Structure formats: structure tokens, C-alpha cells
C-alpha atoms as a PDB file:
ATOM      1  CA  MET A   1      13.523 -20.155   2.009  1.00  0.00           C
ATOM      2  CA  ARG A   2      14.752 -18.371  -1.707  1.00  0.00           C
ATOM      3  CA  HIS A   3      10.813 -17.049  -1.996  1.00  0.00           C
ATOM      4  CA  GLN A   4      11.326 -14.478   0.718  1.00  0.00           C
ATOM      5  CA  PRO A   5      11.675 -11.653  -1.174  1.00  0.00           C
ATOM      6  CA  LEU A   6       8.835 -12.160  -3.375  1.00  0.00           C
ATOM      7  CA  PHE A   7       6.661 -12.815   0.105  1.00  0.00           C
ATOM      8  CA  LEU A   8       7.961  -9.789   1.702  1.00  0.00           C
ATOM      9  CA  ALA A   9       7.690  -7.295  -1.779  1.00  0.00           C
ATOM     10  CA  ALA A  10       4.269  -8.585  -2.086  1.00  0.00           C
ATOM     11  CA  CYS A  11       3.055  -7.550   2.324  1.00  0.00           C
ATOM     12  CA  LEU A  12       4.534  -4.571   1.229  1.00  0.00           C
ATOM     13  CA  THR A  13       2.387  -4.253  -1.543  1.00  0.00           C
ATOM     14  CA  ALA A  14      -0.569  -5.087   0.629  1.00  0.00           C
ATOM     15  CA  ILE A  15       0.722  -2.613   3.376  1.00  0.00           C
ATOM     16  CA  THR A  16       0.741   0.070   0.962  1.00  0.00           C
ATOM     17  CA  ALA A  17      -2.794  -0.564  -0.189  1.00  0.00           C
ATOM     18  CA  VAL A  18      -4.414  -0.636   2.833  1.00  0.00           C
ATOM     19  CA  VAL A  19      -2.669   2.496   3.914  1.00  0.00           C
ATOM     20  CA  LEU A  20      -4.632   4.066   0.777  1.00  0.00           C
ATOM     21  CA  ALA A  21      -7.646   2.629   1.564  1.00  0.00           C
ATOM     22  CA  LEU A  22      -7.627   4.424   5.187  1.00  0.00           C
ATOM     23  CA  THR A  23      -7.505   7.573   3.312  1.00  0.00           C
ATOM     24  CA  MET A  24     -10.646   6.900   1.365  1.00  0.00           C
ATOM     25  CA  SER A  25     -14.019   7.885   2.636  1.00  0.00           C
ATOM     26  CA  VAL A  26     -17.646   8.160   1.621  1.00  0.00           C
ATOM     27  CA  SER A  27     -17.255  11.624   0.849  1.00  0.00           C
ATOM     28  CA  SER A  28     -15.570  11.079  -2.562  1.00  0.00           C
ATOM     29  CA  PRO A  29     -16.813  13.321  -4.683  1.00  0.00           C
ATOM     30  CA  THR A  30     -17.751  10.490  -6.742  1.00  0.00           C
ATOM     31  CA  ALA A  31     -20.706  10.838  -5.073  1.00  0.00           C
ATOM     32  CA  GLU A  32     -21.761  14.019  -6.488  1.00  0.00           C
ATOM     33  CA  ALA A  33     -23.775  14.729  -9.040  1.00  0.00           C
ATOM     34  CA  GLY A  34     -22.066  15.927 -12.618  1.00  0.00           C
ATOM     35  CA  ILE A  35     -18.400  14.551 -11.985  1.00  0.00           C
ATOM     36  CA  THR A  36     -17.041  13.606 -15.344  1.00  0.00           C
ATOM     37  CA  GLY A  37     -13.879  13.813 -14.478  1.00  0.00           C
ATOM     38  CA  LYS A  38     -11.115  12.910 -11.626  1.00  0.00           C
ATOM     39  CA  PHE A  39      -7.723  12.545 -10.149  1.00  0.00           C
ATOM     40  CA  SER A  40      -6.080  12.922  -6.642  1.00  0.00           C
ATOM     41  CA  SER A  41      -3.327  13.627  -4.636  1.00  0.00           C
ATOM     42  CA  VAL A  42      -2.940  11.790  -1.721  1.00  0.00           C
ATOM     43  CA  CYS A  43      -1.006  14.761   0.713  1.00  0.00           C
ATOM     44  CA  PHE A  44       0.030  14.421   4.434  1.00  0.00           C
ATOM     45  CA  TYR A  45       0.587  16.898   7.371  1.00  0.00           C
ATOM     46  CA  THR A  46       4.405  18.719   6.936  1.00  0.00           C
ATOM     47  CA  HIS A  47       4.682  21.262   9.107  1.00  0.00           C
ATOM     48  CA  SER A  48       3.167  24.721  11.433  1.00  0.00           C
ATOM     49  CA  ALA A  49       3.880  28.159  11.359  1.00  0.00           C
ATOM     50  CA  PRO A  50       1.892  31.748  11.372  1.00  0.00           C
ATOM     51  CA  ASN A  51       2.906  31.911   7.656  1.00  0.00           C
ATOM     52  CA  ASP A  52       0.762  32.626   4.415  1.00  0.00           C
ATOM     53  CA  ALA A  53       2.759  33.417   1.225  1.00  0.00           C
ATOM     54  CA  ILE A  54      -0.394  34.447  -0.745  1.00  0.00           C
ATOM     55  CA  LEU A  55      -1.949  37.036   1.871  1.00  0.00           C
ATOM     56  CA  TYR A  56       1.708  38.116   3.578  1.00  0.00           C
ATOM     57  CA  PRO A  57       4.584  37.707   1.123  1.00  0.00           C
ATOM     58  CA  GLY A  58       7.538  37.930   2.432  1.00  0.00           C
ATOM     59  CA  LYS A  59       6.563  38.591   6.190  1.00  0.00           C
ATOM     60  CA  PRO A  60       7.052  35.589   8.202  1.00  0.00           C
ATOM     61  CA  GLY A  61       4.965  35.237  11.889  1.00  0.00           C
ATOM     62  CA  ALA A  62       2.188  38.025  10.285  1.00  0.00           C
ATOM     63  CA  ALA A  63      -0.407  35.079  10.046  1.00  0.00           C
ATOM     64  CA  HIS A  64      -2.389  33.192  11.977  1.00  0.00           C
ATOM     65  CA  MET A  65      -1.343  29.892  12.725  1.00  0.00           C
ATOM     66  CA  HIS A  66      -1.049  27.317   9.588  1.00  0.00           C
ATOM     67  CA  ASP A  67      -0.974  23.418   9.170  1.00  0.00           C
ATOM     68  CA  PHE A  68       0.762  22.924   5.538  1.00  0.00           C
ATOM     69  CA  ILE A  69       0.714  19.812   3.513  1.00  0.00           C
ATOM     70  CA  ALA A  70       2.419  17.883   0.856  1.00  0.00           C
ATOM     71  CA  ASN A  71       5.560  20.862   0.368  1.00  0.00           C
ATOM     72  CA  PRO A  72       7.493  20.712   3.393  1.00  0.00           C
ATOM     73  CA  SER A  73       9.126  24.124   2.231  1.00  0.00           C
ATOM     74  CA  THR A  74       6.307  26.126   2.316  1.00  0.00           C
ATOM     75  CA  ASP A  75       6.657  29.328   4.052  1.00  0.00           C
ATOM     76  CA  ALA A  76       6.028  33.161   3.860  1.00  0.00           C
ATOM     77  CA  PHE A  77       9.066  33.178   1.014  1.00  0.00           C
ATOM     78  CA  SER A  78       7.769  30.284  -1.302  1.00  0.00           C
ATOM     79  CA  THR A  79       8.108  30.979  -4.854  1.00  0.00           C
ATOM     80  CA  VAL A  80       7.428  28.416  -7.563  1.00  0.00           C
ATOM     81  CA  GLN A  81      11.352  27.614  -8.066  1.00  0.00           C
ATOM     82  CA  SER A  82      11.821  27.116  -4.004  1.00  0.00           C
ATOM     83  CA  LEU A  83       8.768  24.660  -4.260  1.00  0.00           C
ATOM     84  CA  GLN A  84       9.619  22.604  -7.259  1.00  0.00           C
ATOM     85  CA  ALA A  85      13.082  22.521  -5.684  1.00  0.00           C
ATOM     86  CA  ALA A  86      11.632  20.531  -2.876  1.00  0.00           C
ATOM     87  CA  GLN A  87      10.712  16.792  -1.887  1.00  0.00           C
ATOM     88  CA  SER A  88       6.463  16.456  -2.011  1.00  0.00           C
ATOM     89  CA  ASN A  89       5.265  13.865   0.374  1.00  0.00           C
ATOM     90  CA  CYS A  90       2.434  13.039  -1.597  1.00  0.00           C
ATOM     91  CA  VAL A  91       1.587  10.066  -3.330  1.00  0.00           C
ATOM     92  CA  ASP A  92       2.463  11.532  -6.515  1.00  0.00           C
ATOM     93  CA  THR A  93       5.605  13.479  -5.861  1.00  0.00           C
ATOM     94  CA  LYS A  94       5.565  15.401  -8.470  1.00  0.00           C
ATOM     95  CA  ASP A  95       2.532  17.333  -6.708  1.00  0.00           C
ATOM     96  CA  THR A  96       5.296  19.931  -5.544  1.00  0.00           C
ATOM     97  CA  ALA A  97       1.837  22.504  -4.922  1.00  0.00           C
ATOM     98  CA  ALA A  98       1.379  23.939  -1.515  1.00  0.00           C
ATOM     99  CA  TYR A  99      -1.380  23.815   0.486  1.00  0.00           C
ATOM    100  CA  TRP A 100      -2.580  25.220   3.704  1.00  0.00           C
ATOM    101  CA  VAL A 101      -5.512  25.108   6.183  1.00  0.00           C
ATOM    102  CA  PRO A 102      -5.731  26.546   9.468  1.00  0.00           C
ATOM    103  CA  THR A 103      -4.789  25.258  12.702  1.00  0.00           C
ATOM    104  CA  LEU A 104      -7.261  22.725  14.565  1.00  0.00           C
ATOM    105  CA  SER A 105      -7.642  22.581  18.338  1.00  0.00           C
ATOM    106  CA  ALA A 106      -9.907  20.516  20.278  1.00  0.00           C
ATOM    107  CA  LYS A 107     -10.189  20.963  23.691  1.00  0.00           C
ATOM    108  CA  GLY A 108      -7.314  23.677  23.645  1.00  0.00           C
ATOM    109  CA  THR A 109      -5.180  20.696  22.563  1.00  0.00           C
ATOM    110  CA  ILE A 110      -4.135  21.214  18.805  1.00  0.00           C
ATOM    111  CA  VAL A 111      -4.884  18.820  16.466  1.00  0.00           C
ATOM    112  CA  HIS A 112      -2.848  18.126  12.681  1.00  0.00           C
ATOM    113  CA  PRO A 113      -4.591  16.416  10.087  1.00  0.00           C
ATOM    114  CA  SER A 114      -4.470  12.489   9.497  1.00  0.00           C
ATOM    115  CA  SER A 115      -3.845  12.673   6.125  1.00  0.00           C
ATOM    116  CA  ILE A 116      -5.488  14.790   3.044  1.00  0.00           C
ATOM    117  CA  THR A 117      -6.885  14.114  -0.350  1.00  0.00           C
ATOM    118  CA  VAL A 118      -6.846  16.734  -3.164  1.00  0.00           C
ATOM    119  CA  TYR A 119      -9.439  15.913  -5.579  1.00  0.00           C
ATOM    120  CA  TYR A 120      -8.804  17.552  -9.002  1.00  0.00           C
ATOM    121  CA  LEU A 121     -12.511  17.427 -10.685  1.00  0.00           C
ATOM    122  CA  THR A 122     -14.494  18.709 -13.447  1.00  0.00           C
ATOM    123  CA  ASN A 123     -18.198  18.798 -13.973  1.00  0.00           C
ATOM    124  CA  GLN A 124     -18.169  20.266 -17.142  1.00  0.00           C
ATOM    125  CA  THR A 125     -17.512  19.609 -20.941  1.00  0.00           C
ATOM    126  CA  GLY A 126     -14.943  21.147 -22.865  1.00  0.00           C
ATOM    127  CA  LYS A 127     -11.104  21.705 -22.686  1.00  0.00           C
ATOM    128  CA  VAL A 128      -9.725  21.844 -18.925  1.00  0.00           C
ATOM    129  CA  THR A 129      -6.511  24.428 -18.831  1.00  0.00           C
ATOM    130  CA  PRO A 130      -4.326  23.225 -15.984  1.00  0.00           C
ATOM    131  CA  TYR A 131      -3.302  25.885 -13.585  1.00  0.00           C
ATOM    132  CA  PRO A 132      -0.632  27.765 -15.056  1.00  0.00           C
ATOM    133  CA  LEU A 133       2.475  27.953 -12.437  1.00  0.00           C
ATOM    134  CA  GLY A 134       2.367  30.506  -9.778  1.00  0.00           C
ATOM    135  CA  PHE A 135      -1.594  30.485  -9.283  1.00  0.00           C
ATOM    136  CA  LYS A 136      -3.011  31.292  -6.251  1.00  0.00           C
ATOM    137  CA  GLN A 137      -6.703  30.930  -5.034  1.00  0.00           C
ATOM    138  CA  ILE A 138      -8.054  30.799  -1.586  1.00  0.00           C
ATOM    139  CA  ALA A 139     -11.347  29.237  -0.948  1.00  0.00           C
ATOM    140  CA  GLY A 140     -13.546  29.567   2.109  1.00  0.00           C
ATOM    141  CA  ASN A 141     -13.779  32.578   4.419  1.00  0.00           C
ATOM    142  CA  MET A 142     -11.361  33.156   7.614  1.00  0.00           C
ATOM    143  CA  HIS A 143     -14.334  36.080   8.898  1.00  0.00           C
ATOM    144  CA  ALA A 144     -17.199  33.868   8.483  1.00  0.00           C
ATOM    145  CA  THR A 145     -18.700  33.936  12.161  1.00  0.00           C
ATOM    146  CA  ASP A 146     -21.947  32.456  10.953  1.00  0.00           C
ATOM    147  CA  ALA A 147     -23.652  29.538   8.416  1.00  0.00           C
ATOM    148  CA  SER A 148     -24.628  32.073   5.813  1.00  0.00           C
ATOM    149  CA  GLN A 149     -21.258  33.125   5.722  1.00  0.00           C
ATOM    150  CA  ALA A 150     -19.154  29.851   5.343  1.00  0.00           C
ATOM    151  CA  LYS A 151     -19.206  29.307   2.122  1.00  0.00           C
ATOM    152  CA  ASN A 152     -17.949  26.770  -0.267  1.00  0.00           C
ATOM    153  CA  ILE A 153     -17.196  25.248   3.258  1.00  0.00           C
ATOM    154  CA  ARG A 154     -18.945  21.628   4.825  1.00  0.00           C
ATOM    155  CA  TRP A 155     -17.882  19.629   7.615  1.00  0.00           C
ATOM    156  CA  GLY A 156     -18.934  15.863   8.361  1.00  0.00           C
ATOM    157  CA  CYS A 157     -18.186  12.928   9.644  1.00  0.00           C
ATOM    158  CA  SER A 158     -15.411   9.608   8.214  1.00  0.00           C
ATOM    159  CA  THR A 159     -18.905   8.201   7.552  1.00  0.00           C
ATOM    160  CA  SER A 160     -21.054  10.536   5.771  1.00  0.00           C
ATOM    161  CA  PHE A 161     -20.760  12.757   2.726  1.00  0.00           C
ATOM    162  CA  PRO A 162     -19.611  16.826   4.236  1.00  0.00           C
ATOM    163  CA  ASN A 163     -22.712  18.494   3.989  1.00  0.00           C
ATOM    164  CA  GLN A 164     -22.423  20.787   7.658  1.00  0.00           C
ATOM    165  CA  PRO A 165     -21.151  24.282   7.344  1.00  0.00           C
ATOM    166  CA  GLN A 166     -20.258  23.803  11.056  1.00  0.00           C
ATOM    167  CA  ALA A 167     -18.220  21.268  12.293  1.00  0.00           C
ATOM    168  CA  PRO A 168     -20.895  17.958  13.896  1.00  0.00           C
ATOM    169  CA  THR A 169     -20.167  16.129  16.536  1.00  0.00           C
ATOM    170  CA  CYS A 170     -19.868  12.800  15.852  1.00  0.00           C
ATOM    171  CA  LYS A 171     -20.324   8.987  16.572  1.00  0.00           C
ATOM    172  CA  PRO A 172     -17.803   6.908  18.710  1.00  0.00           C
ATOM    173  CA  GLY A 173     -15.435   5.856  16.099  1.00  0.00           C
ATOM    174  CA  GLU A 174     -15.576   8.802  13.593  1.00  0.00           C
ATOM    175  CA  ASN A 175     -13.896  11.821  12.493  1.00  0.00           C
ATOM    176  CA  LEU A 176     -14.475  15.257  11.442  1.00  0.00           C
ATOM    177  CA  HIS A 177     -13.692  15.631   8.480  1.00  0.00           C
ATOM    178  CA  VAL A 178     -14.001  18.715   6.134  1.00  0.00           C
ATOM    179  CA  ARG A 179     -14.088  19.695   2.661  1.00  0.00           C
ATOM    180  CA  ILE A 180     -12.889  23.058   0.945  1.00  0.00           C
ATOM    181  CA  ASP A 181     -14.260  23.388  -2.858  1.00  0.00           C
ATOM    182  CA  PHE A 182     -12.296  25.939  -4.331  1.00  0.00           C
ATOM    183  CA  ALA A 183     -13.218  27.931  -7.423  1.00  0.00           C
ATOM    184  CA  ASP A 184     -13.380  26.347 -11.537  1.00  0.00           C
ATOM    185  CA  CYS A 185     -13.361  29.119 -13.448  1.00  0.00           C
ATOM    186  CA  TRP A 186     -10.540  31.777 -14.102  1.00  0.00           C
ATOM    187  CA  ASP A 187     -10.398  34.820 -16.063  1.00  0.00           C
ATOM    188  CA  GLY A 188      -7.404  33.745 -18.274  1.00  0.00           C
ATOM    189  CA  ARG A 189      -5.205  36.615 -17.433  1.00  0.00           C
ATOM    190  CA  ASN A 190      -4.229  36.512 -13.526  1.00  0.00           C
ATOM    191  CA  LEU A 191      -2.367  34.238 -11.288  1.00  0.00           C
ATOM    192  CA  ASP A 192      -3.869  36.169  -8.645  1.00  0.00           C
ATOM    193  CA  SER A 193      -5.509  39.205  -7.597  1.00  0.00           C
ATOM    194  CA  PRO A 194      -5.920  41.555  -4.374  1.00  0.00           C
ATOM    195  CA  ASP A 195      -8.453  39.642  -2.405  1.00  0.00           C
ATOM    196  CA  HIS A 196      -7.082  36.413  -4.043  1.00  0.00           C
ATOM    197  CA  VAL A 197     -10.342  35.507  -5.071  1.00  0.00           C
ATOM    198  CA  SER A 198     -11.559  38.012  -7.637  1.00  0.00           C
ATOM    199  CA  HIS A 199      -9.149  36.491 -10.389  1.00  0.00           C
ATOM    200  CA  VAL A 200     -11.608  33.348 -10.361  1.00  0.00           C
ATOM    201  CA  ALA A 201     -15.545  32.400 -10.334  1.00  0.00           C
ATOM    202  CA  TYR A 202     -17.891  29.071  -9.478  1.00  0.00           C
ATOM    203  CA  SER A 203     -19.507  27.372 -12.309  1.00  0.00           C
ATOM    204  CA  SER A 204     -23.000  27.439 -12.060  1.00  0.00           C
ATOM    205  CA  LYS A 205     -25.190  24.443 -13.602  1.00  0.00           C
ATOM    206  CA  GLY A 206     -21.706  22.975 -15.754  1.00  0.00           C
ATOM    207  CA  LYS A 207     -21.336  26.712 -17.345  1.00  0.00           C
ATOM    208  CA  CYS A 208     -18.497  29.374 -16.431  1.00  0.00           C
ATOM    209  CA  PRO A 209     -19.512  32.935 -16.452  1.00  0.00           C
ATOM    210  CA  ALA A 210     -18.805  35.198 -19.546  1.00  0.00           C
ATOM    211  CA  LYS A 211     -16.376  37.477 -17.284  1.00  0.00           C
ATOM    212  CA  PHE A 212     -14.112  34.119 -16.523  1.00  0.00           C
ATOM    213  CA  PRO A 213     -14.271  31.988 -19.425  1.00  0.00           C
ATOM    214  CA  VAL A 214     -11.414  29.596 -18.799  1.00  0.00           C
ATOM    215  CA  LEU A 215     -12.198  25.972 -17.087  1.00  0.00           C
ATOM    216  CA  ILE A 216      -9.428  25.303 -14.792  1.00  0.00           C
ATOM    217  CA  PRO A 217     -10.057  21.886 -12.423  1.00  0.00           C
ATOM    218  CA  LEU A 218     -12.040  22.264  -9.843  1.00  0.00           C
ATOM    219  CA  LEU A 219     -10.082  21.537  -6.604  1.00  0.00           C
ATOM    220  CA  GLN A 220     -11.648  20.201  -3.731  1.00  0.00           C
ATOM    221  CA  MET A 221      -9.272  19.582  -0.486  1.00  0.00           C
ATOM    222  CA  LEU A 222     -11.043  16.868   1.892  1.00  0.00           C
ATOM    223  CA  VAL A 223      -8.603  17.343   5.486  1.00  0.00           C
ATOM    224  CA  LYS A 224      -9.365  14.631   8.016  1.00  0.00           C
ATOM    225  CA  TYR A 225      -8.699  15.027  11.573  1.00  0.00           C
ATOM    226  CA  PRO A 226      -8.598  12.326  14.199  1.00  0.00           C
ATOM    227  CA  VAL A 227     -10.951  14.046  16.490  1.00  0.00           C
ATOM    228  CA  SER A 228     -14.978  13.541  16.872  1.00  0.00           C
ATOM    229  CA  ASP A 229     -16.619  16.395  19.134  1.00  0.00           C
ATOM    230  CA  GLY A 230     -16.965  19.076  17.119  1.00  0.00           C
ATOM    231  CA  ARG A 231     -18.323  20.852  19.521  1.00  0.00           C
ATOM    232  CA  THR A 232     -14.773  21.236  21.278  1.00  0.00           C
ATOM    233  CA  VAL A 233     -13.192  22.438  18.053  1.00  0.00           C
ATOM    234  CA  ARG A 234     -11.868  26.049  17.781  1.00  0.00           C
ATOM    235  CA  LEU A 235      -9.635  26.707  14.917  1.00  0.00           C
ATOM    236  CA  SER A 236      -6.514  29.341  14.302  1.00  0.00           C
ATOM    237  CA  SER A 237      -8.843  31.919  12.331  1.00  0.00           C
ATOM    238  CA  GLY A 238     -11.680  31.229  14.804  1.00  0.00           C
ATOM    239  CA  GLY A 239     -14.901  28.824  15.023  1.00  0.00           C
ATOM    240  CA  SER A 240     -15.437  26.167  12.547  1.00  0.00           C
ATOM    241  CA  TYR A 241     -17.125  28.399   9.975  1.00  0.00           C
ATOM    242  CA  SER A 242     -14.097  30.051   9.262  1.00  0.00           C
ATOM    243  CA  MET A 243     -12.377  27.329   7.722  1.00  0.00           C
ATOM    244  CA  HIS A 244     -10.287  27.916   4.869  1.00  0.00           C
ATOM    245  CA  GLY A 245      -7.915  26.508   2.462  1.00  0.00           C
ATOM    246  CA  ASP A 246      -5.147  27.951   0.122  1.00  0.00           C
ATOM    247  CA  PHE A 247      -3.612  26.861  -3.033  1.00  0.00           C
ATOM    248  CA  PHE A 248      -0.194  27.593  -4.287  1.00  0.00           C
ATOM    249  CA  ASN A 249      -0.121  25.706  -7.474  1.00  0.00           C
ATOM    250  CA  ALA A 250       3.774  24.010  -8.374  1.00  0.00           C
ATOM    251  CA  TRP A 251       3.206  20.917 -10.163  1.00  0.00           C
ATOM    252  CA  ASP A 252       5.446  19.798 -11.809  1.00  0.00           C
ATOM    253  CA  VAL A 253       4.018  21.434 -15.442  1.00  0.00           C
ATOM    254  CA  LYS A 254       3.968  17.907 -17.622  1.00  0.00           C
ATOM    255  CA  GLU A 255       2.607  15.878 -14.839  1.00  0.00           C
ATOM    256  CA  LEU A 256      -0.381  18.202 -14.355  1.00  0.00           C
ATOM    257  CA  GLN A 257      -1.150  18.689 -18.081  1.00  0.00           C
ATOM    258  CA  HIS A 258      -0.719  14.696 -18.295  1.00  0.00           C
ATOM    259  CA  MET A 259      -3.682  13.773 -15.517  1.00  0.00           C
ATOM    260  CA  VAL A 260      -5.647  16.861 -16.994  1.00  0.00           C
ATOM    261  CA  THR A 261      -5.505  15.640 -20.695  1.00  0.00           C
ATOM    262  CA  MET A 262      -6.198  11.565 -19.482  1.00  0.00           C
ATOM    263  CA  CYS A 263      -8.531  12.474 -17.084  1.00  0.00           C
ATOM    264  CA  LEU A 264     -10.680  15.486 -16.896  1.00  0.00           C
ATOM    265  CA  ASP A 265     -10.427  15.942 -20.375  1.00  0.00           C
ATOM    266  CA  ALA A 266     -11.728  12.578 -20.984  1.00  0.00           C
ATOM    267  CA  GLY A 267     -14.073  12.359 -18.877  1.00  0.00           C
ATOM    268  CA  LYS A 268     -12.202   9.355 -16.601  1.00  0.00           C
ATOM    269  CA  ASP A 269     -12.019   8.625 -12.874  1.00  0.00           C
ATOM    270  CA  CYS A 270      -8.347   7.689 -13.039  1.00  0.00           C
ATOM    271  CA  GLY A 271      -7.922   7.255  -9.315  1.00  0.00           C
ATOM    272  CA  ARG A 272      -4.489   7.911  -7.555  1.00  0.00           C
ATOM    273  CA  PRO A 273      -1.342   9.248  -9.782  1.00  0.00           C
ATOM    274  CA  THR A 274       1.623   8.306  -8.421  1.00  0.00           C
ATOM    275  CA  GLY A 275       3.834  10.175 -11.052  1.00  0.00           C
ATOM    276  CA  VAL A 276       5.225   7.135 -13.002  1.00  0.00           C
ATOM    277  CA  GLN A 277       4.253   7.266 -16.763  1.00  0.00           C
END
């Protein structure tokens, strides 16, 4: 019986490993050609509200309904200070950034994400600049009504790489997930812009445009939902083409710099940091 504490500790470790494994899928960006460095932050849904600290700061209730991820304090009044003062539910608790997406419903019933993996990647050589505190960015098009307008959004099923602009119908036992790709080049000056996208740009063939010379992490949000029939899915912003994501950086500065240097600049896959160094 004196070995019982060691046995229980081993069991808890095994259970934790299983839970983390369940958040994985073959949709990991490591399947993409050109990714040279990577780390990820596994986070979970916290709450829903019609707030948006990027589009409608200081105006609670002005936005369509959003599902907030990682930081439970996120609201219309969020600041770097308020976010960093809160307790993140990410595996790496030093990820106190705010992430949010439109609320999803299936057959008229609201369905919240089962888990979210936020990948930080690079597909370029050269030094990556961590996001400065207060950096904001939106990816996707909330007004999209067809595939031509649904840029940087890809839906899929849990056993396939997401590559469809609209939510598909998955096989029995599979669930929907969606990948939201954010821009990885920055103008180096503005933390935000009036349309929340003009201060950033997407790299092309591993190079940033001349007007956006600063390489930043390529952020990808992989949001997983416990539903399978994409035909029944609606978002608070419209149809599944209108999926989009918001990012408000409030990471612990030293932790983000450490991960960028150790993983992205070094060209390594560092898996999921835990905040313990």
C-alpha cells in the first residue's frame, strides 16, 4: 500500500496524456509543406456573449454572439492589463491572449467547441518577431456567402485535413472542425488598423510583401465541434462560409519570446508548451 501515491500519480499522468491526445487530429499543420517551426497552445471554450473587443470596444452587446476561448475575462472592455490579470484555461497558462469565433448552432441548438488548438508556425527562414502586447488581428470574412469570399477558412472532419470552404457532412463517428489562418507579415508599426486587417498581410512562397516586412508567427486556430452534419450548421454571423476568428495578444512577454526563439527561429516542432521552463 505504501506505493499507492506513486500509482495514483502515474494514473493521473496517463489520463492527462490521453486527454491531450484526444485534442489532436490529422489536421495538424505539420501535414502542410513548408512549415519549418511550430508550437501549439491547447485551450478550451470559456463563455459566450455578444461582445467584440476589436470591432466594438467598450460597447457590450453590439456584436453578434461569440464563443470566447482561453481567457474567461474577455469582454467588450478587455485590455492587455485585464487579460493578463485573468487565469487562462490553456495548457500553457501563460497564454493569456484572447481568441474568439462566432457562435455555432446545429439544427437550431447552440454547440460550443469541444477543444481548440492554436498553432504558432512559420514557413519562412529568418527571425520571427513575437506579437507585441495589444496586437490585434481578424482572419476570415464574416460577410462571406460563397466559397470565393471565404478566404483563409477551411472546414473538415476529424480524420481529414481541413480543405473545404464550407462545413461538410462527416461520416458517423467523426466531428466537424474548422481551421482559421491568420496573416504572418506585419507593417511593423500598427497594433491594429481601421478594418483590422490592413496592418498585416499573408506571405507568398515564403516571402513577406515589401510593405509588410516584419515576419510574425503564422497563427492557425483549429476549432473542433461535437457535431457531424455540416448541412445543419449555422453561425451567428451567417452560413458556414462566414466563419472568422479574432486574436488579441496578451501573452506573457517572456514566454512568447521564449517559444518563438526556441521553436520558430530554431525550426523545431516544440509540441505544446506548458509554461514551465
